């Protein structure tokens, strides 16, 4: 709170001057997605898109790593499905989430092992 208050002490409000937002990440001072993308890559060293992989594979991997795939668990957490719809259809009553689908569900585990080998 003190830091916020200290940063506002030097600001003088003037009724004759129009207020507006200025985007600091681009020379035009206007928001654009590319400037955010470059900022995130430089600041947080996030994984960049692999240009040799099709876009749909990149998007799928992005959703997978961010836990944004439409699993029953995610859909029920977002109130799209009822909470009683969470068990995986082929998982013998297990919770359908990313860990279950890609790591513990025997059918998919065999597929991942085949791909790995």
PDB file of N, CA and C in Angstrom:
ATOM      1  N   UNK A   1       0.823  -1.183   0.000  1.00  0.00           N
ATOM      2  CA  UNK A   1       0.000   0.000   0.000  1.00  0.00           C
ATOM      3  C   UNK A   1       0.871   1.251   0.000  1.00  0.00           C
ATOM      4  N   UNK A   2       1.937   1.184   0.787  1.00  0.00           N
ATOM      5  CA  UNK A   2       2.845   2.325   0.876  1.00  0.00           C
ATOM      6  C   UNK A   2       3.530   2.584  -0.461  1.00  0.00           C
ATOM      7  N   UNK A   3       3.933   1.517  -1.140  1.00  0.00           N
ATOM      8  CA  UNK A   3       4.585   1.655  -2.443  1.00  0.00           C
ATOM      9  C   UNK A   3       3.637   2.297  -3.462  1.00  0.00           C
ATOM     10  N   UNK A   4       2.403   1.890  -3.439  1.00  0.00           N
ATOM     11  CA  UNK A   4       1.404   2.455  -4.340  1.00  0.00           C
ATOM     12  C   UNK A   4       1.191   3.939  -4.016  1.00  0.00           C
ATOM     13  N   UNK A   5       1.052   4.247  -2.753  1.00  0.00           N
ATOM     14  CA  UNK A   5       0.853   5.633  -2.334  1.00  0.00           C
ATOM     15  C   UNK A   5       2.050   6.505  -2.719  1.00  0.00           C
ATOM     16  N   UNK A   6       3.274   5.982  -2.522  1.00  0.00           N
ATOM     17  CA  UNK A   6       4.477   6.735  -2.871  1.00  0.00           C
ATOM     18  C   UNK A   6       4.566   7.002  -4.368  1.00  0.00           C
ATOM     19  N   UNK A   7       4.134   6.029  -5.176  1.00  0.00           N
ATOM     20  CA  UNK A   7       4.222   6.227  -6.624  1.00  0.00           C
ATOM     21  C   UNK A   7       3.193   7.232  -7.127  1.00  0.00           C
ATOM     22  N   UNK A   8       2.133   7.478  -6.354  1.00  0.00           N
ATOM     23  CA  UNK A   8       1.102   8.430  -6.774  1.00  0.00           C
ATOM     24  C   UNK A   8       1.304   9.834  -6.220  1.00  0.00           C
ATOM     25  N   UNK A   9       2.251  10.028  -5.333  1.00  0.00           N
ATOM     26  CA  UNK A   9       2.426  11.342  -4.703  1.00  0.00           C
ATOM     27  C   UNK A   9       2.905  12.413  -5.681  1.00  0.00           C
ATOM     28  N   UNK A  10       3.642  12.037  -6.712  1.00  0.00           N
ATOM     29  CA  UNK A  10       4.176  13.013  -7.663  1.00  0.00           C
ATOM     30  C   UNK A  10       3.231  13.295  -8.826  1.00  0.00           C
ATOM     31  N   UNK A  11       2.068  12.701  -8.826  1.00  0.00           N
ATOM     32  CA  UNK A  11       1.120  12.895  -9.919  1.00  0.00           C
ATOM     33  C   UNK A  11       0.197  14.062  -9.586  1.00  0.00           C
ATOM     34  N   UNK A  12       0.103  14.982 -10.531  1.00  0.00           N
ATOM     35  CA  UNK A  12      -0.763  16.142 -10.358  1.00  0.00           C
ATOM     36  C   UNK A  12      -1.901  16.031 -11.365  1.00  0.00           C
ATOM     37  N   UNK A  13      -3.112  15.960 -10.884  1.00  0.00           N
ATOM     38  CA  UNK A  13      -4.272  15.871 -11.764  1.00  0.00           C
ATOM     39  C   UNK A  13      -4.656  17.257 -12.241  1.00  0.00           C
ATOM     40  N   UNK A  14      -4.936  17.347 -13.541  1.00  0.00           N
ATOM     41  CA  UNK A  14      -5.311  18.626 -14.134  1.00  0.00           C
ATOM     42  C   UNK A  14      -6.594  18.430 -14.922  1.00  0.00           C
ATOM     43  N   UNK A  15      -7.562  19.246 -14.663  1.00  0.00           N
ATOM     44  CA  UNK A  15      -8.865  19.095 -15.321  1.00  0.00           C
ATOM     45  C   UNK A  15      -8.841  19.508 -16.788  1.00  0.00           C
ATOM     46  N   UNK A  16      -7.822  20.215 -17.224  1.00  0.00           N
ATOM     47  CA  UNK A  16      -7.768  20.686 -18.612  1.00  0.00           C
ATOM     48  C   UNK A  16      -7.054  19.705 -19.546  1.00  0.00           C
ATOM     49  N   UNK A  17      -6.482  18.651 -18.990  1.00  0.00           N
ATOM     50  CA  UNK A  17      -5.722  17.700 -19.800  1.00  0.00           C
ATOM     51  C   UNK A  17      -6.494  16.384 -19.894  1.00  0.00           C
ATOM     52  N   UNK A  18      -6.589  15.860 -21.110  1.00  0.00           N
ATOM     53  CA  UNK A  18      -7.318  14.630 -21.391  1.00  0.00           C
ATOM     54  C   UNK A  18      -6.503  13.419 -20.928  1.00  0.00           C
ATOM     55  N   UNK A  19      -7.134  12.530 -20.155  1.00  0.00           N
ATOM     56  CA  UNK A  19      -6.471  11.310 -19.703  1.00  0.00           C
ATOM     57  C   UNK A  19      -6.591  10.230 -20.766  1.00  0.00           C
ATOM     58  N   UNK A  20      -5.538   9.427 -20.915  1.00  0.00           N
ATOM     59  CA  UNK A  20      -5.607   8.281 -21.823  1.00  0.00           C
ATOM     60  C   UNK A  20      -4.554   7.278 -21.416  1.00  0.00           C
ATOM     61  N   UNK A  21      -4.795   6.039 -21.826  1.00  0.00           N
ATOM     62  CA  UNK A  21      -3.862   4.957 -21.551  1.00  0.00           C
ATOM     63  C   UNK A  21      -2.783   4.954 -22.622  1.00  0.00           C
ATOM     64  N   UNK A  22      -1.545   4.772 -22.218  1.00  0.00           N
ATOM     65  CA  UNK A  22      -0.440   4.637 -23.159  1.00  0.00           C
ATOM     66  C   UNK A  22       0.199   3.272 -22.961  1.00  0.00           C
ATOM     67  N   UNK A  23       0.334   2.538 -24.037  1.00  0.00           N
ATOM     68  CA  UNK A  23       0.935   1.202 -23.996  1.00  0.00           C
ATOM     69  C   UNK A  23       2.441   1.364 -24.101  1.00  0.00           C
ATOM     70  N   UNK A  24       3.154   0.979 -23.062  1.00  0.00           N
ATOM     71  CA  UNK A  24       4.586   1.207 -22.990  1.00  0.00           C
ATOM     72  C   UNK A  24       5.420   0.187 -23.774  1.00  0.00           C
ATOM     73  N   UNK A  25       4.803  -0.902 -24.217  1.00  0.00           N
ATOM     74  CA  UNK A  25       5.568  -1.969 -24.851  1.00  0.00           C
ATOM     75  C   UNK A  25       5.709  -1.814 -26.360  1.00  0.00           C
ATOM     76  N   UNK A  26       5.163  -0.758 -26.935  1.00  0.00           N
ATOM     77  CA  UNK A  26       5.270  -0.556 -28.375  1.00  0.00           C
ATOM     78  C   UNK A  26       5.505   0.923 -28.663  1.00  0.00           C
ATOM     79  N   UNK A  27       6.295   1.203 -29.695  1.00  0.00           N
ATOM     80  CA  UNK A  27       6.645   2.595 -29.997  1.00  0.00           C
ATOM     81  C   UNK A  27       5.430   3.431 -30.384  1.00  0.00           C
ATOM     82  N   UNK A  28       4.392   2.804 -30.918  1.00  0.00           N
ATOM     83  CA  UNK A  28       3.187   3.551 -31.301  1.00  0.00           C
ATOM     84  C   UNK A  28       2.345   3.937 -30.087  1.00  0.00           C
ATOM     85  N   UNK A  29       2.672   3.379 -28.917  1.00  0.00           N
ATOM     86  CA  UNK A  29       1.917   3.572 -27.677  1.00  0.00           C
ATOM     87  C   UNK A  29       0.515   2.986 -27.757  1.00  0.00           C
ATOM     88  N   UNK A  30       0.289   2.139 -28.764  1.00  0.00           N
ATOM     89  CA  UNK A  30      -0.989   1.450 -28.919  1.00  0.00           C
ATOM     90  C   UNK A  30      -0.779  -0.030 -28.636  1.00  0.00           C
ATOM     91  N   UNK A  31      -1.787  -0.649 -28.067  1.00  0.00           N
ATOM     92  CA  UNK A  31      -1.704  -2.062 -27.734  1.00  0.00           C
ATOM     93  C   UNK A  31      -1.696  -2.908 -28.996  1.00  0.00           C
ATOM     94  N   UNK A  32      -0.829  -3.934 -29.005  1.00  0.00           N
ATOM     95  CA  UNK A  32      -0.906  -4.976 -30.022  1.00  0.00           C
ATOM     96  C   UNK A  32      -0.392  -6.279 -29.431  1.00  0.00           C
ATOM     97  N   UNK A  33      -0.874  -7.378 -29.958  1.00  0.00           N
ATOM     98  CA  UNK A  33      -0.566  -8.695 -29.414  1.00  0.00           C
ATOM     99  C   UNK A  33       0.915  -9.018 -29.555  1.00  0.00           C
ATOM    100  N   UNK A  34       1.515  -8.619 -30.656  1.00  0.00           N
ATOM    101  CA  UNK A  34       2.926  -8.922 -30.885  1.00  0.00           C
ATOM    102  C   UNK A  34       3.813  -8.342 -29.787  1.00  0.00           C
ATOM    103  N   UNK A  35       3.504  -7.140 -29.315  1.00  0.00           N
ATOM    104  CA  UNK A  35       4.328  -6.543 -28.262  1.00  0.00           C
ATOM    105  C   UNK A  35       4.218  -7.327 -26.958  1.00  0.00           C
ATOM    106  N   UNK A  36       3.040  -7.829 -26.662  1.00  0.00           N
ATOM    107  CA  UNK A  36       2.864  -8.652 -25.456  1.00  0.00           C
ATOM    108  C   UNK A  36       3.629  -9.956 -25.605  1.00  0.00           C
ATOM    109  N   UNK A  37       3.530 -10.578 -26.780  1.00  0.00           N
ATOM    110  CA  UNK A  37       4.227 -11.833 -27.047  1.00  0.00           C
ATOM    111  C   UNK A  37       5.727 -11.660 -26.840  1.00  0.00           C
ATOM    112  N   UNK A  38       6.313 -10.611 -27.425  1.00  0.00           N
ATOM    113  CA  UNK A  38       7.750 -10.373 -27.282  1.00  0.00           C
ATOM    114  C   UNK A  38       8.121 -10.069 -25.832  1.00  0.00           C
ATOM    115  N   UNK A  39       7.284  -9.323 -25.148  1.00  0.00           N
ATOM    116  CA  UNK A  39       7.538  -9.020 -23.737  1.00  0.00           C
ATOM    117  C   UNK A  39       7.556 -10.293 -22.897  1.00  0.00           C
ATOM    118  N   UNK A  40       6.574 -11.171 -23.110  1.00  0.00           N
ATOM    119  CA  UNK A  40       6.502 -12.403 -22.335  1.00  0.00           C
ATOM    120  C   UNK A  40       7.690 -13.316 -22.608  1.00  0.00           C
ATOM    121  N   UNK A  41       8.093 -13.396 -23.859  1.00  0.00           N
ATOM    122  CA  UNK A  41       9.243 -14.238 -24.199  1.00  0.00           C
ATOM    123  C   UNK A  41      10.506 -13.706 -23.529  1.00  0.00           C
ATOM    124  N   UNK A  42      10.720 -12.400 -23.600  1.00  0.00           N
ATOM    125  CA  UNK A  42      11.927 -11.813 -23.014  1.00  0.00           C
ATOM    126  C   UNK A  42      11.909 -11.836 -21.487  1.00  0.00           C
ATOM    127  N   UNK A  43      10.752 -11.573 -20.898  1.00  0.00           N
ATOM    128  CA  UNK A  43      10.657 -11.461 -19.451  1.00  0.00           C
ATOM    129  C   UNK A  43      10.612 -12.816 -18.760  1.00  0.00           C
ATOM    130  N   UNK A  44       9.808 -13.734 -19.288  1.00  0.00           N
ATOM    131  CA  UNK A  44       9.579 -14.998 -18.597  1.00  0.00           C
ATOM    132  C   UNK A  44      10.193 -16.200 -19.293  1.00  0.00           C
ATOM    133  N   UNK A  45      10.888 -15.972 -20.398  1.00  0.00           N
ATOM    134  CA  UNK A  45      11.522 -17.047 -21.160  1.00  0.00           C
ATOM    135  C   UNK A  45      10.555 -18.190 -21.426  1.00  0.00           C
ATOM    136  N   UNK A  46       9.351 -17.852 -21.860  1.00  0.00           N
ATOM    137  CA  UNK A  46       8.376 -18.896 -22.148  1.00  0.00           C
ATOM    138  C   UNK A  46       8.765 -19.618 -23.426  1.00  0.00           C
ATOM    139  N   UNK A  47       8.234 -20.809 -23.579  1.00  0.00           N
ATOM    140  CA  UNK A  47       8.528 -21.619 -24.749  1.00  0.00           C
ATOM    141  C   UNK A  47       7.944 -20.931 -25.977  1.00  0.00           C
ATOM    142  N   UNK A  48       8.767 -20.747 -26.998  1.00  0.00           N
ATOM    143  CA  UNK A  48       8.278 -20.136 -28.229  1.00  0.00           C
ATOM    144  C   UNK A  48       7.654 -21.193 -29.111  1.00  0.00           C
ATOM    145  N   UNK A  49       6.828 -20.742 -30.030  1.00  0.00           N
ATOM    146  CA  UNK A  49       6.179 -21.663 -30.953  1.00  0.00           C
ATOM    147  C   UNK A  49       7.226 -22.301 -31.853  1.00  0.00           C
ATOM    148  N   UNK A  50       7.075 -23.587 -32.082  1.00  0.00           N
ATOM    149  CA  UNK A  50       7.944 -24.307 -32.997  1.00  0.00           C
ATOM    150  C   UNK A  50       7.356 -24.164 -34.398  1.00  0.00           C
ATOM    151  N   UNK A  51       8.066 -23.498 -35.285  1.00  0.00           N
ATOM    152  CA  UNK A  51       7.542 -23.204 -36.625  1.00  0.00           C
ATOM    153  C   UNK A  51       7.485 -24.446 -37.511  1.00  0.00           C
ATOM    154  N   UNK A  52       8.193 -25.524 -37.141  1.00  0.00           N
ATOM    155  CA  UNK A  52       8.206 -26.722 -37.965  1.00  0.00           C
ATOM    156  C   UNK A  52       7.043 -27.656 -37.652  1.00  0.00           C
ATOM    157  N   UNK A  53       6.286 -27.333 -36.633  1.00  0.00           N
ATOM    158  CA  UNK A  53       5.140 -28.146 -36.229  1.00  0.00           C
ATOM    159  C   UNK A  53       3.875 -27.432 -36.687  1.00  0.00           C
ATOM    160  N   UNK A  54       2.880 -28.179 -37.183  1.00  0.00           N
ATOM    161  CA  UNK A  54       1.635 -27.518 -37.600  1.00  0.00           C
ATOM    162  C   UNK A  54       1.012 -26.719 -36.458  1.00  0.00           C
ATOM    163  N   UNK A  55       0.327 -25.645 -36.828  1.00  0.00           N
ATOM    164  CA  UNK A  55      -0.270 -24.751 -35.851  1.00  0.00           C
ATOM    165  C   UNK A  55      -1.204 -25.486 -34.892  1.00  0.00           C
ATOM    166  N   UNK A  56      -2.017 -26.421 -35.407  1.00  0.00           N
ATOM    167  CA  UNK A  56      -2.957 -27.116 -34.533  1.00  0.00           C
ATOM    168  C   UNK A  56      -2.232 -27.962 -33.485  1.00  0.00           C
ATOM    169  N   UNK A  57      -1.037 -28.462 -33.812  1.00  0.00           N
ATOM    170  CA  UNK A  57      -0.247 -29.216 -32.828  1.00  0.00           C
ATOM    171  C   UNK A  57       0.297 -28.267 -31.772  1.00  0.00           C
ATOM    172  N   UNK A  58       0.776 -27.095 -32.202  1.00  0.00           N
ATOM    173  CA  UNK A  58       1.247 -26.084 -31.247  1.00  0.00           C
ATOM    174  C   UNK A  58       0.129 -25.651 -30.310  1.00  0.00           C
ATOM    175  N   UNK A  59      -1.048 -25.389 -30.860  1.00  0.00           N
ATOM    176  CA  UNK A  59      -2.173 -24.963 -30.031  1.00  0.00           C
ATOM    177  C   UNK A  59      -2.592 -26.055 -29.061  1.00  0.00           C
ATOM    178  N   UNK A  60      -2.602 -27.297 -29.528  1.00  0.00           N
ATOM    179  CA  UNK A  60      -2.940 -28.405 -28.642  1.00  0.00           C
ATOM    180  C   UNK A  60      -1.934 -28.501 -27.501  1.00  0.00           C
ATOM    181  N   UNK A  61      -0.641 -28.408 -27.818  1.00  0.00           N
ATOM    182  CA  UNK A  61       0.392 -28.480 -26.772  1.00  0.00           C
ATOM    183  C   UNK A  61       0.252 -27.326 -25.795  1.00  0.00           C
ATOM    184  N   UNK A  62      -0.041 -26.128 -26.295  1.00  0.00           N
ATOM    185  CA  UNK A  62      -0.233 -24.960 -25.431  1.00  0.00           C
ATOM    186  C   UNK A  62      -1.391 -25.201 -24.468  1.00  0.00           C
ATOM    187  N   UNK A  63      -2.514 -25.688 -24.997  1.00  0.00           N
ATOM    188  CA  UNK A  63      -3.670 -25.980 -24.150  1.00  0.00           C
ATOM    189  C   UNK A  63      -3.359 -27.098 -23.158  1.00  0.00           C
ATOM    190  N   UNK A  64      -2.611 -28.092 -23.591  1.00  0.00           N
ATOM    191  CA  UNK A  64      -2.246 -29.200 -22.705  1.00  0.00           C
ATOM    192  C   UNK A  64      -1.389 -28.710 -21.541  1.00  0.00           C
ATOM    193  N   UNK A  65      -0.343 -27.949 -21.834  1.00  0.00           N
ATOM    194  CA  UNK A  65       0.558 -27.479 -20.780  1.00  0.00           C
ATOM    195  C   UNK A  65      -0.089 -26.466 -19.849  1.00  0.00           C
ATOM    196  N   UNK A  66      -1.082 -25.738 -20.327  1.00  0.00           N
ATOM    197  CA  UNK A  66      -1.779 -24.757 -19.495  1.00  0.00           C
ATOM    198  C   UNK A  66      -3.032 -25.335 -18.834  1.00  0.00           C
ATOM    199  N   UNK A  67      -3.269 -26.633 -19.006  1.00  0.00           N
ATOM    200  CA  UNK A  67      -4.443 -27.328 -18.456  1.00  0.00           C
ATOM    201  C   UNK A  67      -5.739 -26.662 -18.927  1.00  0.00           C
ATOM    202  N   UNK A  68      -5.822 -26.415 -20.233  1.00  0.00           N
ATOM    203  CA  UNK A  68      -6.988 -25.766 -20.813  1.00  0.00           C
ATOM    204  C   UNK A  68      -7.748 -26.666 -21.780  1.00  0.00           C
ATOM    205  N   UNK A  69      -7.397 -27.954 -21.808  1.00  0.00           N
ATOM    206  CA  UNK A  69      -8.134 -28.882 -22.662  1.00  0.00           C
ATOM    207  C   UNK A  69      -9.530 -29.110 -22.079  1.00  0.00           C
ATOM    208  N   UNK A  70     -10.516 -29.347 -22.934  1.00  0.00           N
ATOM    209  CA  UNK A  70     -11.887 -29.530 -22.433  1.00  0.00           C
ATOM    210  C   UNK A  70     -12.121 -30.906 -21.830  1.00  0.00           C
ATOM    211  N   UNK A  71     -11.397 -31.232 -20.774  1.00  0.00           N
ATOM    212  CA  UNK A  71     -11.645 -32.482 -20.060  1.00  0.00           C
ATOM    213  C   UNK A  71     -12.918 -32.324 -19.234  1.00  0.00           C
ATOM    214  N   UNK A  72     -13.478 -33.435 -18.817  1.00  0.00           N
ATOM    215  CA  UNK A  72     -14.701 -33.348 -18.011  1.00  0.00           C
ATOM    216  C   UNK A  72     -14.451 -32.596 -16.720  1.00  0.00           C
ATOM    217  N   UNK A  73     -13.273 -32.771 -16.155  1.00  0.00           N
ATOM    218  CA  UNK A  73     -12.924 -32.069 -14.925  1.00  0.00           C
ATOM    219  C   UNK A  73     -12.913 -30.552 -15.151  1.00  0.00           C
ATOM    220  N   UNK A  74     -12.257 -30.091 -16.219  1.00  0.00           N
ATOM    221  CA  UNK A  74     -12.212 -28.657 -16.515  1.00  0.00           C
ATOM    222  C   UNK A  74     -13.591 -28.109 -16.845  1.00  0.00           C
ATOM    223  N   UNK A  75     -14.383 -28.860 -17.606  1.00  0.00           N
ATOM    224  CA  UNK A  75     -15.716 -28.385 -17.983  1.00  0.00           C
ATOM    225  C   UNK A  75     -16.637 -28.284 -16.769  1.00  0.00           C
ATOM    226  N   UNK A  76     -16.524 -29.230 -15.854  1.00  0.00           N
ATOM    227  CA  UNK A  76     -17.372 -29.149 -14.655  1.00  0.00           C
ATOM    228  C   UNK A  76     -16.892 -28.042 -13.718  1.00  0.00           C
ATOM    229  N   UNK A  77     -15.584 -27.804 -13.675  1.00  0.00           N
ATOM    230  CA  UNK A  77     -15.051 -26.722 -12.839  1.00  0.00           C
ATOM    231  C   UNK A  77     -15.516 -25.359 -13.350  1.00  0.00           C
ATOM    232  N   UNK A  78     -15.724 -25.256 -14.659  1.00  0.00           N
ATOM    233  CA  UNK A  78     -16.212 -24.006 -15.254  1.00  0.00           C
ATOM    234  C   UNK A  78     -17.726 -23.959 -15.338  1.00  0.00           C
ATOM    235  N   UNK A  79     -18.377 -24.937 -14.712  1.00  0.00           N
ATOM    236  CA  UNK A  79     -19.843 -25.015 -14.637  1.00  0.00           C
ATOM    237  C   UNK A  79     -20.492 -25.201 -16.010  1.00  0.00           C
ATOM    238  N   UNK A  80     -19.780 -25.866 -16.920  1.00  0.00           N
ATOM    239  CA  UNK A  80     -20.357 -26.206 -18.215  1.00  0.00           C
ATOM    240  C   UNK A  80     -21.041 -27.564 -18.114  1.00  0.00           C
ATOM    241  N   UNK A  81     -20.460 -28.466 -17.337  1.00  0.00           N
ATOM    242  CA  UNK A  81     -21.056 -29.775 -17.064  1.00  0.00           C
ATOM    243  C   UNK A  81     -21.421 -29.858 -15.589  1.00  0.00           C
ATOM    244  N   UNK A  82     -22.329 -30.745 -15.270  1.00  0.00           N
ATOM    245  CA  UNK A  82     -22.671 -31.001 -13.874  1.00  0.00           C
ATOM    246  C   UNK A  82     -21.498 -31.711 -13.200  1.00  0.00           C
ATOM    247  N   UNK A  83     -21.358 -31.555 -11.903  1.00  0.00           N
ATOM    248  CA  UNK A  83     -20.242 -32.166 -11.174  1.00  0.00           C
ATOM    249  C   UNK A  83     -20.267 -33.686 -11.224  1.00  0.00           C
ATOM    250  N   UNK A  84     -21.436 -34.283 -11.392  1.00  0.00           N
ATOM    251  CA  UNK A  84     -21.504 -35.745 -11.434  1.00  0.00           C
ATOM    252  C   UNK A  84     -21.063 -36.301 -12.789  1.00  0.00           C
ATOM    253  N   UNK A  85     -20.696 -35.450 -13.754  1.00  0.00           N
ATOM    254  CA  UNK A  85     -20.257 -35.899 -15.071  1.00  0.00           C
ATOM    255  C   UNK A  85     -18.738 -36.011 -15.157  1.00  0.00           C
ATOM    256  N   UNK A  86     -18.036 -35.961 -14.027  1.00  0.00           N
ATOM    257  CA  UNK A  86     -16.585 -35.951 -14.042  1.00  0.00           C
ATOM    258  C   UNK A  86     -15.904 -37.275 -14.371  1.00  0.00           C
ATOM    259  N   UNK A  87     -16.446 -38.435 -14.019  1.00  0.00           N
ATOM    260  CA  UNK A  87     -15.688 -39.661 -14.294  1.00  0.00           C
ATOM    261  C   UNK A  87     -15.431 -39.853 -15.789  1.00  0.00           C
ATOM    262  N   UNK A  88     -14.264 -40.397 -16.098  1.00  0.00           N
ATOM    263  CA  UNK A  88     -13.873 -40.663 -17.475  1.00  0.00           C
ATOM    264  C   UNK A  88     -14.707 -41.814 -18.016  1.00  0.00           C
ATOM    265  N   UNK A  89     -15.127 -41.718 -19.244  1.00  0.00           N
ATOM    266  CA  UNK A  89     -15.998 -42.738 -19.822  1.00  0.00           C
ATOM    267  C   UNK A  89     -15.278 -44.074 -19.928  1.00  0.00           C
ATOM    268  N   UNK A  90     -14.015 -44.062 -20.319  1.00  0.00           N
ATOM    269  CA  UNK A  90     -13.290 -45.325 -20.469  1.00  0.00           C
ATOM    270  C   UNK A  90     -12.353 -45.629 -19.326  1.00  0.00           C
ATOM    271  N   UNK A  91     -12.351 -44.811 -18.300  1.00  0.00           N
ATOM    272  CA  UNK A  91     -11.373 -44.973 -17.229  1.00  0.00           C
ATOM    273  C   UNK A  91     -11.882 -45.675 -15.997  1.00  0.00           C
ATOM    274  N   UNK A  92     -12.989 -46.390 -16.108  1.00  0.00           N
ATOM    275  CA  UNK A  92     -13.534 -47.162 -14.983  1.00  0.00           C
ATOM    276  C   UNK A  92     -13.762 -46.294 -13.749  1.00  0.00           C
ATOM    277  N   UNK A  93     -14.402 -45.151 -13.950  1.00  0.00           N
ATOM    278  CA  UNK A  93     -14.765 -44.298 -12.824  1.00  0.00           C
ATOM    279  C   UNK A  93     -13.709 -43.302 -12.399  1.00  0.00           C
ATOM    280  N   UNK A  94     -12.563 -43.271 -13.066  1.00  0.00           N
ATOM    281  CA  UNK A  94     -11.516 -42.315 -12.707  1.00  0.00           C
ATOM    282  C   UNK A  94     -11.901 -40.907 -13.159  1.00  0.00           C
ATOM    283  N   UNK A  95     -11.320 -39.926 -12.506  1.00  0.00           N
ATOM    284  CA  UNK A  95     -11.553 -38.531 -12.858  1.00  0.00           C
ATOM    285  C   UNK A  95     -10.926 -38.247 -14.215  1.00  0.00           C
ATOM    286  N   UNK A  96     -11.698 -37.665 -15.147  1.00  0.00           N
ATOM    287  CA  UNK A  96     -11.134 -37.340 -16.455  1.00  0.00           C
ATOM    288  C   UNK A  96     -10.462 -35.985 -16.381  1.00  0.00           C
ATOM    289  N   UNK A  97      -9.160 -36.004 -16.149  1.00  0.00           N
ATOM    290  CA  UNK A  97      -8.359 -34.798 -16.177  1.00  0.00           C
ATOM    291  C   UNK A  97      -7.133 -35.071 -17.039  1.00  0.00           C
ATOM    292  N   UNK A  98      -6.268 -34.113 -17.184  1.00  0.00           N
ATOM    293  CA  UNK A  98      -5.116 -34.263 -18.076  1.00  0.00           C
ATOM    294  C   UNK A  98      -4.188 -35.374 -17.608  1.00  0.00           C
ATOM    295  N   UNK A  99      -3.920 -35.454 -16.305  1.00  0.00           N
ATOM    296  CA  UNK A  99      -3.048 -36.512 -15.796  1.00  0.00           C
ATOM    297  C   UNK A  99      -3.612 -37.888 -16.120  1.00  0.00           C
ATOM    298  N   UNK A 100      -4.909 -38.045 -15.908  1.00  0.00           N
ATOM    299  CA  UNK A 100      -5.532 -39.340 -16.171  1.00  0.00           C
ATOM    300  C   UNK A 100      -5.473 -39.670 -17.665  1.00  0.00           C
ATOM    301  N   UNK A 101      -5.849 -38.713 -18.510  1.00  0.00           N
ATOM    302  CA  UNK A 101      -5.914 -38.988 -19.944  1.00  0.00           C
ATOM    303  C   UNK A 101      -4.556 -39.267 -20.576  1.00  0.00           C
ATOM    304  N   UNK A 102      -3.533 -38.549 -20.138  1.00  0.00           N
ATOM    305  CA  UNK A 102      -2.250 -38.671 -20.818  1.00  0.00           C
ATOM    306  C   UNK A 102      -1.211 -39.491 -20.063  1.00  0.00           C
ATOM    307  N   UNK A 103      -1.446 -39.791 -18.798  1.00  0.00           N
ATOM    308  CA  UNK A 103      -0.429 -40.531 -18.046  1.00  0.00           C
ATOM    309  C   UNK A 103      -0.933 -41.832 -17.427  1.00  0.00           C
ATOM    310  N   UNK A 104      -2.090 -41.804 -16.802  1.00  0.00           N
ATOM    311  CA  UNK A 104      -2.504 -42.991 -16.063  1.00  0.00           C
ATOM    312  C   UNK A 104      -3.517 -43.881 -16.789  1.00  0.00           C
ATOM    313  N   UNK A 105      -4.190 -43.384 -17.810  1.00  0.00           N
ATOM    314  CA  UNK A 105      -5.160 -44.178 -18.558  1.00  0.00           C
ATOM    315  C   UNK A 105      -4.379 -45.141 -19.445  1.00  0.00           C
ATOM    316  N   UNK A 106      -4.555 -46.450 -19.234  1.00  0.00           N
ATOM    317  CA  UNK A 106      -3.737 -47.470 -19.897  1.00  0.00           C
ATOM    318  C   UNK A 106      -3.716 -47.334 -21.420  1.00  0.00           C
ATOM    319  N   UNK A 107      -4.855 -47.066 -22.019  1.00  0.00           N
ATOM    320  CA  UNK A 107      -4.931 -46.980 -23.478  1.00  0.00           C
ATOM    321  C   UNK A 107      -4.006 -45.892 -24.011  1.00  0.00           C
ATOM    322  N   UNK A 108      -4.084 -44.711 -23.413  1.00  0.00           N
ATOM    323  CA  UNK A 108      -3.250 -43.603 -23.880  1.00  0.00           C
ATOM    324  C   UNK A 108      -1.796 -43.765 -23.453  1.00  0.00           C
ATOM    325  N   UNK A 109      -1.563 -44.390 -22.304  1.00  0.00           N
ATOM    326  CA  UNK A 109      -0.190 -44.621 -21.863  1.00  0.00           C
ATOM    327  C   UNK A 109       0.538 -45.505 -22.876  1.00  0.00           C
ATOM    328  N   UNK A 110      -0.156 -46.516 -23.412  1.00  0.00           N
ATOM    329  CA  UNK A 110       0.446 -47.377 -24.437  1.00  0.00           C
ATOM    330  C   UNK A 110       0.757 -46.596 -25.703  1.00  0.00           C
ATOM    331  N   UNK A 111      -0.146 -45.694 -26.077  1.00  0.00           N
ATOM    332  CA  UNK A 111       0.104 -44.875 -27.268  1.00  0.00           C
ATOM    333  C   UNK A 111       1.323 -43.999 -27.068  1.00  0.00           C
ATOM    334  N   UNK A 112       1.438 -43.346 -25.881  1.00  0.00           N
ATOM    335  CA  UNK A 112       2.589 -42.487 -25.617  1.00  0.00           C
ATOM    336  C   UNK A 112       3.876 -43.295 -25.588  1.00  0.00           C
ATOM    337  N   UNK A 113       3.832 -44.510 -25.043  1.00  0.00           N
ATOM    338  CA  UNK A 113       5.028 -45.362 -25.037  1.00  0.00           C
ATOM    339  C   UNK A 113       5.425 -45.739 -26.453  1.00  0.00           C
ATOM    340  N   UNK A 114       4.446 -46.043 -27.312  1.00  0.00           N
ATOM    341  CA  UNK A 114       4.749 -46.369 -28.707  1.00  0.00           C
ATOM    342  C   UNK A 114       5.372 -45.177 -29.426  1.00  0.00           C
ATOM    343  N   UNK A 115       4.842 -43.999 -29.188  1.00  0.00           N
ATOM    344  CA  UNK A 115       5.389 -42.785 -29.820  1.00  0.00           C
ATOM    345  C   UNK A 115       6.819 -42.545 -29.323  1.00  0.00           C
ATOM    346  N   UNK A 116       7.036 -42.738 -28.037  1.00  0.00           N
ATOM    347  CA  UNK A 116       8.354 -42.513 -27.451  1.00  0.00           C
ATOM    348  C   UNK A 116       9.396 -43.464 -28.017  1.00  0.00           C
ATOM    349  N   UNK A 117       8.990 -44.719 -28.236  1.00  0.00           N
ATOM    350  CA  UNK A 117       9.939 -45.702 -28.733  1.00  0.00           C
ATOM    351  C   UNK A 117       9.954 -45.726 -30.250  1.00  0.00           C
TER     352      UNK A 117
END
